[in-house]
């Protein structure tokens, strides 16, 4: 799922076994902050969100992010 805004979602998120991983650079400027926050809040409500942020990264992917994702997905 890339850049979800959850603008059309009205029902509250429910707890499930689905794991969510959300990654943002702290210099993200393509996804509006309001959309980032809505996405985080929606996924946090499931009780199964891992939020990763990367210093100095904008709307990109970095090596550390790939390594972190690999580690999380192989647990």
Protein backbone atom coordinates (compact mmCIF):
# COMPACT_ATOMS: atom_id res chain seq x y z
CA UNK A 1 0.00 0.00 0.00
CA UNK A 2 1.65 3.22 -1.09
CA UNK A 3 0.53 6.65 0.07
CA UNK A 4 -2.91 5.77 1.38
CA UNK A 5 -4.90 8.77 2.51
CA UNK A 6 -7.92 6.91 3.91
CA UNK A 7 -10.09 9.83 2.80
CA UNK A 8 -12.98 7.57 1.85
CA UNK A 9 -12.78 5.36 4.93
CA UNK A 10 -15.42 6.12 7.54
CA UNK A 11 -15.60 2.94 9.58
CA UNK A 12 -13.18 2.62 12.51
CA UNK A 13 -10.27 0.27 12.07
CA UNK A 14 -10.58 -3.02 13.90
CA UNK A 15 -8.00 -5.18 15.57
CA UNK A 16 -6.80 -8.07 13.46
CA UNK A 17 -3.82 -10.31 12.93
CA UNK A 18 -2.76 -8.24 9.92
CA UNK A 19 0.54 -6.48 10.53
CA UNK A 20 1.05 -3.01 9.11
CA UNK A 21 4.36 -1.28 8.51
CA UNK A 22 4.33 2.39 7.66
CA UNK A 23 7.53 4.15 6.62
CA UNK A 24 8.07 7.87 6.24
CA UNK A 25 11.06 10.13 5.87
CA UNK A 26 10.99 13.06 8.29
CA UNK A 27 11.37 15.36 5.28
CA UNK A 28 8.43 13.86 3.34
CA UNK A 29 6.90 16.61 1.21
CA UNK A 30 4.82 14.74 -1.39
CA UNK A 31 2.23 13.23 0.94
CA UNK A 32 0.43 15.97 2.86
CA UNK A 33 0.95 15.82 6.64
CA UNK A 34 -2.82 15.55 7.16
CA UNK A 35 -2.88 12.42 4.99
CA UNK A 36 0.14 10.95 6.80
CA UNK A 37 -1.55 11.51 10.16
CA UNK A 38 -4.86 10.04 9.00
CA UNK A 39 -3.08 6.95 7.76
CA UNK A 40 -1.09 6.56 10.99
CA UNK A 41 -4.18 7.00 13.18
CA UNK A 42 -6.21 4.52 11.15
CA UNK A 43 -3.51 1.86 11.22
CA UNK A 44 -2.61 2.48 14.88
CA UNK A 45 -6.23 1.77 15.79
CA UNK A 46 -5.71 -1.83 14.64
CA UNK A 47 -3.13 -2.32 17.37
CA UNK A 48 -0.72 -3.80 14.86
CA UNK A 49 1.25 -0.93 13.36
CA UNK A 50 5.01 -0.60 13.20
CA UNK A 51 5.89 2.99 12.31
CA UNK A 52 9.36 3.67 10.92
CA UNK A 53 10.72 7.14 10.26
CA UNK A 54 14.01 8.08 8.65
CA UNK A 55 15.96 11.25 9.40
CA UNK A 56 16.79 13.38 6.41
CA UNK A 57 14.73 11.31 3.97
CA UNK A 58 12.03 12.81 1.80
CA UNK A 59 9.71 10.94 -0.56
CA UNK A 60 12.19 8.18 -1.26
CA UNK A 61 13.47 4.78 -0.16
CA UNK A 62 16.76 4.32 1.64
CA UNK A 63 18.95 1.30 2.32
CA UNK A 64 18.13 1.35 6.03
CA UNK A 65 14.41 1.23 5.24
CA UNK A 66 14.91 -1.87 3.05
CA UNK A 67 16.98 -3.52 5.79
CA UNK A 68 14.37 -2.68 8.44
CA UNK A 69 11.55 -4.05 6.28
CA UNK A 70 13.49 -7.23 5.54
CA UNK A 71 14.05 -7.77 9.27
CA UNK A 72 10.39 -7.12 10.16
CA UNK A 73 9.06 -9.37 7.42
CA UNK A 74 11.27 -12.30 8.34
CA UNK A 75 10.23 -12.36 12.03
